[in-house]
C-alpha cells in the first residue's frame, strides 16, 4: 500500500520536481500540494496524511513554525535551500532533511526511510495486538530486523537522525526518530530525562547532581525535566529521617 503524501512548497518548480520523483516511486502517493502551509490544514484534518514534504522558508509562516502548530503531525521530511535549519528540523523528529536542489538518489533514500518507518510501526502494531502487554519491539539495525526486549534496555539516545539503543552488553543504531522510540516504550518503565535520552527506570542505580547513574553510565537530566524525573524515580521510595 502506498504512503499518502502531501507537498507544501511556495516554489512551483520544487513542487513539480517532488511530484515527478513520487511518480517514479511506487510506494508513494501524492494526495495534495500547496504553495501556502495554511491552505493545507483542511486536508490534514480530513485525510490520513502519512508523510509531509515541507519547505521551510515561505511567506507568512515558515515550515518549522507551521509544523509546530499541528496537533497530530504526520512524519515530516523538510525540503529547503537552507542547510542551517537542519538541527532544528531533527529536533522536531523529522524523518529526513533534504537540501535543494534535491537529486533523485537523495530523495529516494529519504523515501525508503519513510517506508521503513511504517513497516516497523506496522510490525510493532501486530506485536501489540497479539499481546496486550507487549514486552518487546523490533528495530532495523545492521540491515536486519532485531528484536529488543524492554527488560534488556538500559537507555536510548538520540543522535540527530538516528537512535542508539543500549542494552546490558550491546548497542544498536537504528534509522528512526527519537519520538517513535519514545512513543513505543511504556511510560511506566521508562523515563525521559533529557530531550536526547530515555532511561529504564528499573536500571537506575543512583542520582548524582544532574545525572542519572546506570552502573558506570552517566545520563544527563535537563533542568526543565528534573522535577518530573525525580518525582517519577523517588515517589513513595525515598526514605528520610
Protein backbone atom coordinates (compact mmCIF):
# COMPACT_ATOMS: atom_id res chain seq x y z
CA UNK A 1 0.00 0.00 0.00
CA UNK A 2 1.34 3.45 -0.95
CA UNK A 3 2.25 6.08 1.65
CA UNK A 4 -0.10 9.07 1.27
CA UNK A 5 1.94 12.27 0.94
CA UNK A 6 1.37 15.99 0.58
CA UNK A 7 3.80 18.65 -0.62
CA UNK A 8 3.94 22.16 0.83
CA UNK A 9 6.30 24.49 -1.01
CA UNK A 10 5.85 28.01 -2.39
CA UNK A 11 8.07 27.25 -5.41
CA UNK A 12 6.12 25.71 -8.34
CA UNK A 13 9.24 24.06 -9.80
CA UNK A 14 10.09 22.47 -6.45
CA UNK A 15 6.58 21.01 -6.17
CA UNK A 16 6.75 19.76 -9.76
CA UNK A 17 10.09 18.06 -9.12
CA UNK A 18 8.86 16.31 -5.98
CA UNK A 19 5.70 15.12 -7.73
CA UNK A 20 7.77 13.65 -10.56
CA UNK A 21 10.01 11.86 -8.06
CA UNK A 22 6.93 10.47 -6.29
CA UNK A 23 5.51 9.23 -9.58
CA UNK A 24 8.71 7.21 -10.05
CA UNK A 25 8.47 5.74 -6.52
CA UNK A 26 5.84 3.03 -6.39
CA UNK A 27 5.26 3.17 -2.62
CA UNK A 28 4.49 6.93 -2.50
CA UNK A 29 1.22 8.62 -3.50
CA UNK A 30 0.81 12.40 -3.70
CA UNK A 31 -2.69 13.31 -2.50
CA UNK A 32 -2.22 17.07 -2.39
CA UNK A 33 0.12 20.01 -2.99
CA UNK A 34 0.05 23.54 -1.59
CA UNK A 35 2.01 26.75 -2.02
CA UNK A 36 0.84 28.01 1.38
CA UNK A 37 1.00 25.89 4.57
CA UNK A 38 -2.21 27.41 5.95
CA UNK A 39 -4.15 26.10 2.94
CA UNK A 40 -3.22 22.52 3.81
CA UNK A 41 -4.91 22.37 7.23
CA UNK A 42 -8.28 21.19 5.90
CA UNK A 43 -6.72 18.21 4.11
CA UNK A 44 -4.54 17.39 7.11
CA UNK A 45 -7.63 17.28 9.32
CA UNK A 46 -9.82 15.26 6.94
CA UNK A 47 -7.39 12.81 5.34
CA UNK A 48 -4.91 10.36 6.79
CA UNK A 49 -1.78 12.12 5.57
CA UNK A 50 1.13 9.77 6.25
CA UNK A 51 4.07 11.85 5.06
CA UNK A 52 4.63 15.58 4.71
CA UNK A 53 7.23 17.10 2.37
CA UNK A 54 7.57 20.57 3.86
CA UNK A 55 9.57 23.58 2.70
CA UNK A 56 10.92 25.89 5.42
CA UNK A 57 11.36 29.42 4.02
CA UNK A 58 7.87 30.52 2.93
CA UNK A 59 5.87 33.77 3.15
CA UNK A 60 3.70 34.45 6.24
CA UNK A 61 4.81 31.35 8.18
CA UNK A 62 7.85 29.09 7.97
CA UNK A 63 7.54 25.36 7.58
CA UNK A 64 9.03 24.84 11.04
CA UNK A 65 6.59 27.28 12.66
CA UNK A 66 3.68 25.62 10.84
CA UNK A 67 4.76 22.12 11.82
CA UNK A 68 4.86 23.15 15.49
CA UNK A 69 1.19 24.19 15.28
CA UNK A 70 -0.01 20.74 14.19
CA UNK A 71 -1.61 18.74 17.00
CA UNK A 72 -1.32 15.40 15.24
CA UNK A 73 1.52 16.00 12.84
CA UNK A 74 2.38 13.27 10.33
CA UNK A 75 6.02 12.27 9.86
CA UNK A 76 7.82 15.07 8.02
CA UNK A 77 10.67 15.41 5.55
CA UNK A 78 11.87 19.00 5.34
CA UNK A 79 12.87 20.29 1.89
CA UNK A 80 14.80 23.55 1.82
CA UNK A 81 17.61 25.50 0.24
CA UNK A 82 18.93 26.45 3.69
CA UNK A 83 21.07 23.82 5.46
CA UNK A 84 21.31 25.92 8.65
CA UNK A 85 17.85 24.72 9.72
CA UNK A 86 18.92 21.06 9.83
CA UNK A 87 19.48 20.85 13.60
CA UNK A 88 16.11 22.41 14.40
CA UNK A 89 14.48 20.11 11.89
CA UNK A 90 15.90 16.99 13.52
CA UNK A 91 14.92 18.30 16.97
CA UNK A 92 11.34 18.20 15.63
CA UNK A 93 11.87 14.48 14.91
CA UNK A 94 11.94 14.94 11.13
CA UNK A 95 12.42 11.70 9.22
CA UNK A 96 14.90 13.48 6.96
CA UNK A 97 16.14 16.88 5.79
CA UNK A 98 16.66 17.43 2.07
CA UNK A 99 18.68 20.40 0.82
CA UNK A 100 17.75 21.79 -2.61
CA UNK A 101 18.50 21.08 -5.35
CA UNK A 102 17.36 17.57 -4.46
CA UNK A 103 18.68 14.67 -6.52
CA UNK A 104 16.51 11.62 -7.10
CA UNK A 105 19.03 9.41 -5.27
CA UNK A 106 18.81 11.59 -2.16
CA UNK A 107 15.01 11.79 -2.41
CA UNK A 108 14.74 8.03 -2.76
CA UNK A 109 16.91 7.47 0.32
CA UNK A 110 14.53 9.67 2.34
CA UNK A 111 11.52 7.86 0.86
CA UNK A 112 12.98 4.48 1.84
CA UNK A 113 13.40 5.76 5.37
CA UNK A 114 9.71 6.66 5.49
CA UNK A 115 8.82 3.22 4.12
CA UNK A 116 10.97 1.55 6.77
CA UNK A 117 9.36 3.70 9.48
CA UNK A 118 5.90 2.48 8.50
CA UNK A 119 6.95 -1.15 8.08
CA UNK A 120 8.45 -1.25 11.56
CA UNK A 121 5.46 0.59 13.02
CA UNK A 122 3.10 -1.96 11.47
CA UNK A 123 5.20 -4.83 12.78
CA UNK A 124 5.12 -3.36 16.27
CA UNK A 125 1.35 -2.84 15.98
CA UNK A 126 0.99 -6.55 15.25
CA UNK A 127 3.03 -7.35 18.36
CA UNK A 128 0.74 -5.09 20.43
CA UNK A 129 -2.41 -6.71 19.03
CA UNK A 130 -1.05 -10.20 19.65
CA UNK A 131 -0.11 -9.29 23.21
CA UNK A 132 -2.00 -6.61 25.13
CA UNK A 133 1.08 -6.25 27.35
CA UNK A 134 3.99 -6.31 24.89
CA UNK A 135 7.46 -6.90 26.27
CA UNK A 136 9.47 -6.14 23.15
CA UNK A 137 9.59 -4.34 19.82
CA UNK A 138 11.51 -4.59 16.54
CA UNK A 139 14.02 -2.20 15.01
CA UNK A 140 16.10 -2.38 11.88
CA UNK A 141 19.83 -2.41 12.67
CA UNK A 142 22.78 -3.74 10.69
CA UNK A 143 20.47 -4.47 7.72
CA UNK A 144 18.25 -6.83 9.68
CA UNK A 145 15.22 -6.75 11.97
CA UNK A 146 16.29 -7.04 15.59
CA UNK A 147 14.00 -7.97 18.48
CA UNK A 148 14.60 -5.79 21.55
CA UNK A 149 13.12 -6.74 24.93
CA UNK A 150 12.14 -3.86 27.21
CA UNK A 151 13.80 -5.67 30.11
CA UNK A 152 17.17 -5.59 28.33
CA UNK A 153 17.24 -1.84 27.60
CA UNK A 154 19.43 0.46 29.71
CA UNK A 155 18.74 3.66 27.79
CA UNK A 156 18.10 5.15 24.35
CA UNK A 157 19.99 8.12 22.94
CA UNK A 158 19.04 10.43 20.06
CA UNK A 159 21.83 11.05 17.55
CA UNK A 160 20.37 13.55 15.06
CA UNK A 161 18.59 11.31 12.54
CA UNK A 162 19.49 8.03 14.29
CA UNK A 163 18.69 6.47 17.66
CA UNK A 164 21.17 4.37 19.64
CA UNK A 165 19.62 1.76 21.93
CA UNK A 166 21.87 0.40 24.68
CA UNK A 167 21.27 -2.96 26.34
CA UNK A 168 23.37 -4.62 29.02
CA UNK A 169 26.04 -5.85 26.61
CA UNK A 170 25.19 -4.39 23.19
CA UNK A 171 24.18 -1.23 21.41
CA UNK A 172 22.06 -0.89 18.29
CA UNK A 173 21.99 2.08 15.93
CA UNK A 174 18.70 2.41 14.07
CA UNK A 175 17.49 4.88 11.47
CA UNK A 176 14.40 6.00 13.40
CA UNK A 177 13.17 9.19 15.01
CA UNK A 178 13.60 9.54 18.75
CA UNK A 179 9.88 10.25 19.11
CA UNK A 180 8.88 6.93 17.52
CA UNK A 181 11.03 5.06 20.06
CA UNK A 182 9.76 7.22 22.94
CA UNK A 183 6.11 6.64 21.92
CA UNK A 184 6.51 2.87 21.90
CA UNK A 185 8.40 2.43 25.19
CA UNK A 186 5.96 2.04 28.12
CA UNK A 187 5.87 5.20 30.25
CA UNK A 188 5.55 3.09 33.39
CA UNK A 189 9.00 1.60 32.79
CA UNK A 190 10.96 4.34 31.01
CA UNK A 191 11.69 7.96 31.90
CA UNK A 192 12.70 10.76 29.55
CA UNK A 193 15.48 12.61 31.38
CA UNK A 194 16.62 14.88 28.56
CA UNK A 195 15.50 15.74 25.03
CA UNK A 196 18.04 13.16 23.81
CA UNK A 197 17.79 10.43 26.47
CA UNK A 198 15.25 7.92 27.78
CA UNK A 199 16.31 5.57 30.58
CA UNK A 200 14.94 2.35 32.03
CA UNK A 201 13.58 3.20 35.49
CA UNK A 202 14.40 -0.27 36.79
CA UNK A 203 18.06 0.01 35.77
CA UNK A 204 18.76 3.28 37.65
CA UNK A 205 21.40 2.76 40.35
CA UNK A 206 21.62 6.32 41.64
CA UNK A 207 21.31 10.06 41.11
CA UNK A 208 24.22 12.45 41.41
CA UNK A 209 23.70 16.16 40.78
CA UNK A 210 22.13 16.48 37.33
CA UNK A 211 22.96 12.95 36.24
CA UNK A 212 21.25 9.55 36.37
CA UNK A 213 23.57 6.65 37.16
CA UNK A 214 23.08 3.38 35.30
CA UNK A 215 26.00 1.44 36.69
CA UNK A 216 29.05 3.03 35.04
CA UNK A 217 26.89 5.05 32.63
CA UNK A 218 26.00 8.68 33.42
CA UNK A 219 22.92 10.15 31.73
CA UNK A 220 22.14 13.89 31.93
CA UNK A 221 18.96 15.30 33.45
CA UNK A 222 17.81 18.52 31.80
CA UNK A 223 16.82 21.38 34.11
CA UNK A 224 13.28 21.65 32.77
CA UNK A 225 12.65 17.91 33.33
CA UNK A 226 14.46 17.44 36.66
CA UNK A 227 11.47 17.91 38.96
CA UNK A 228 9.34 15.48 36.97
CA UNK A 229 12.19 12.97 36.67
CA UNK A 230 12.90 12.97 40.43
CA UNK A 231 9.21 12.63 41.20
CA UNK A 232 8.90 9.55 39.00
CA UNK A 233 12.04 7.94 40.40
CA UNK A 234 11.57 8.73 44.10
CA UNK A 235 7.78 8.70 44.51
CA UNK A 236 7.00 6.58 47.59
CA UNK A 237 10.52 5.15 47.70
CA UNK A 238 12.65 7.87 49.31
CA UNK A 239 13.35 7.12 52.97
CA UNK A 240 14.30 10.06 55.16
CA UNK A 241 14.58 10.76 58.86
